[in-house]
Amino acid sequence: MRRRAGQSIEVLFRHYAKFLDGVREQANRLIEQSMQEWGRVSQGEATEG
């Protein structure tokens, strides 16, 4: 990919680092939400609509 873009690894990393960090944060939020929902379901609580 970097050869096609004509950019070094460093340039690509600087360009995409914030994007990748945001994706990680979003994934962690989704995992946390799923774990909380699983906890509610496993305790027999009603799920949110």
N, C-alpha and C. Protein backbone atom coordinates (compact mmCIF):
# COMPACT_ATOMS: atom_id res chain seq x y z
N MET A 1 0.82 -1.19 0.00
CA MET A 1 0.00 0.00 0.00
C MET A 1 0.87 1.26 0.00
N ARG A 2 1.87 1.28 0.85
CA ARG A 2 2.67 2.50 0.92
C ARG A 2 3.38 2.77 -0.39
N ARG A 3 3.79 1.71 -1.10
CA ARG A 3 4.47 1.92 -2.38
C ARG A 3 3.51 2.57 -3.37
N ARG A 4 2.26 2.12 -3.40
CA ARG A 4 1.27 2.73 -4.28
C ARG A 4 1.04 4.19 -3.92
N ALA A 5 0.99 4.47 -2.64
CA ALA A 5 0.74 5.85 -2.19
C ALA A 5 1.97 6.72 -2.36
N GLY A 6 3.14 6.10 -2.51
CA GLY A 6 4.37 6.86 -2.66
C GLY A 6 4.80 7.55 -1.39
N GLN A 7 4.43 6.96 -0.26
CA GLN A 7 4.74 7.58 1.02
C GLN A 7 5.51 6.60 1.90
N SER A 8 6.30 7.17 2.78
CA SER A 8 7.04 6.33 3.72
C SER A 8 6.11 5.86 4.83
N ILE A 9 6.54 4.86 5.55
CA ILE A 9 5.78 4.36 6.70
C ILE A 9 5.54 5.48 7.70
N GLU A 10 6.54 6.31 7.93
CA GLU A 10 6.41 7.40 8.89
C GLU A 10 5.30 8.38 8.49
N VAL A 11 5.25 8.72 7.21
CA VAL A 11 4.22 9.65 6.73
C VAL A 11 2.85 9.01 6.87
N LEU A 12 2.72 7.76 6.47
CA LEU A 12 1.44 7.07 6.61
C LEU A 12 1.02 7.00 8.07
N PHE A 13 1.95 6.67 8.95
CA PHE A 13 1.60 6.57 10.36
C PHE A 13 1.13 7.90 10.91
N ARG A 14 1.85 8.96 10.61
CA ARG A 14 1.43 10.29 11.09
C ARG A 14 0.05 10.65 10.57
N HIS A 15 -0.20 10.32 9.32
CA HIS A 15 -1.47 10.67 8.70
C HIS A 15 -2.63 9.88 9.30
N TYR A 16 -2.42 8.60 9.55
CA TYR A 16 -3.50 7.73 9.99
C TYR A 16 -3.53 7.46 11.49
N ALA A 17 -2.57 7.95 12.23
CA ALA A 17 -2.49 7.64 13.66
C ALA A 17 -3.74 8.10 14.41
N LYS A 18 -4.20 9.29 14.15
CA LYS A 18 -5.40 9.79 14.84
C LYS A 18 -6.62 8.98 14.45
N PHE A 19 -6.73 8.64 13.18
CA PHE A 19 -7.85 7.82 12.72
C PHE A 19 -7.84 6.47 13.42
N LEU A 20 -6.68 5.83 13.44
CA LEU A 20 -6.58 4.51 14.06
C LEU A 20 -6.87 4.57 15.55
N ASP A 21 -6.43 5.62 16.21
CA ASP A 21 -6.71 5.78 17.63
C ASP A 21 -8.21 5.93 17.86
N GLY A 22 -8.88 6.68 17.01
CA GLY A 22 -10.33 6.84 17.12
C GLY A 22 -11.07 5.53 16.93
N VAL A 23 -10.60 4.72 15.99
CA VAL A 23 -11.22 3.42 15.75
C VAL A 23 -11.05 2.53 16.97
N ARG A 24 -9.89 2.57 17.60
CA ARG A 24 -9.64 1.77 18.79
C ARG A 24 -10.57 2.20 19.92
N GLU A 25 -10.72 3.51 20.10
CA GLU A 25 -11.60 4.02 21.16
C GLU A 25 -13.04 3.59 20.91
N GLN A 26 -13.48 3.66 19.67
CA GLN A 26 -14.84 3.26 19.33
C GLN A 26 -15.03 1.76 19.58
N ALA A 27 -14.06 0.96 19.19
CA ALA A 27 -14.14 -0.49 19.42
C ALA A 27 -14.21 -0.79 20.91
N ASN A 28 -13.40 -0.11 21.70
CA ASN A 28 -13.43 -0.32 23.15
C ASN A 28 -14.78 0.05 23.75
N ARG A 29 -15.39 1.13 23.26
CA ARG A 29 -16.72 1.52 23.75
C ARG A 29 -17.75 0.45 23.41
N LEU A 30 -17.70 -0.07 22.19
CA LEU A 30 -18.65 -1.11 21.79
C LEU A 30 -18.47 -2.38 22.61
N ILE A 31 -17.23 -2.73 22.89
CA ILE A 31 -16.97 -3.91 23.73
C ILE A 31 -17.52 -3.69 25.12
N GLU A 32 -17.28 -2.52 25.68
CA GLU A 32 -17.78 -2.21 27.03
C GLU A 32 -19.30 -2.25 27.07
N GLN A 33 -19.95 -1.67 26.07
CA GLN A 33 -21.41 -1.70 26.02
C GLN A 33 -21.93 -3.13 25.93
N SER A 34 -21.28 -3.95 25.12
CA SER A 34 -21.69 -5.35 24.98
C SER A 34 -21.53 -6.10 26.29
N MET A 35 -20.43 -5.85 26.98
CA MET A 35 -20.20 -6.53 28.26
C MET A 35 -21.24 -6.10 29.30
N GLN A 36 -21.59 -4.82 29.31
CA GLN A 36 -22.62 -4.35 30.24
C GLN A 36 -23.96 -4.99 29.92
N GLU A 37 -24.30 -5.06 28.64
CA GLU A 37 -25.57 -5.67 28.23
C GLU A 37 -25.57 -7.16 28.60
N TRP A 38 -24.47 -7.84 28.36
CA TRP A 38 -24.37 -9.25 28.71
C TRP A 38 -24.56 -9.43 30.22
N GLY A 39 -24.00 -8.55 31.01
CA GLY A 39 -24.16 -8.62 32.46
C GLY A 39 -25.61 -8.45 32.87
N ARG A 40 -26.31 -7.52 32.24
CA ARG A 40 -27.74 -7.33 32.55
C ARG A 40 -28.55 -8.56 32.17
N VAL A 41 -28.30 -9.09 30.99
CA VAL A 41 -29.04 -10.27 30.52
C VAL A 41 -28.75 -11.47 31.41
N SER A 42 -27.50 -11.67 31.77
CA SER A 42 -27.14 -12.83 32.60
C SER A 42 -27.72 -12.73 34.00
N GLN A 43 -28.03 -11.51 34.45
CA GLN A 43 -28.65 -11.32 35.75
C GLN A 43 -30.17 -11.30 35.66
N GLY A 44 -30.70 -11.51 34.46
CA GLY A 44 -32.14 -11.58 34.27
C GLY A 44 -32.83 -10.23 34.17
N GLU A 45 -32.07 -9.17 33.99
CA GLU A 45 -32.66 -7.84 33.85
C GLU A 45 -33.14 -7.64 32.42
N ALA A 46 -34.16 -6.81 32.27
CA ALA A 46 -34.69 -6.50 30.94
C ALA A 46 -33.66 -5.71 30.15
N THR A 47 -33.62 -5.95 28.86
CA THR A 47 -32.70 -5.20 28.01
C THR A 47 -33.34 -3.89 27.60
N GLU A 48 -32.48 -2.94 27.25
CA GLU A 48 -32.97 -1.63 26.80
C GLU A 48 -33.45 -1.76 25.36
N GLY A 49 -34.52 -1.00 25.03
CA GLY A 49 -35.17 -1.04 23.72
C GLY A 49 -34.26 -0.74 22.63
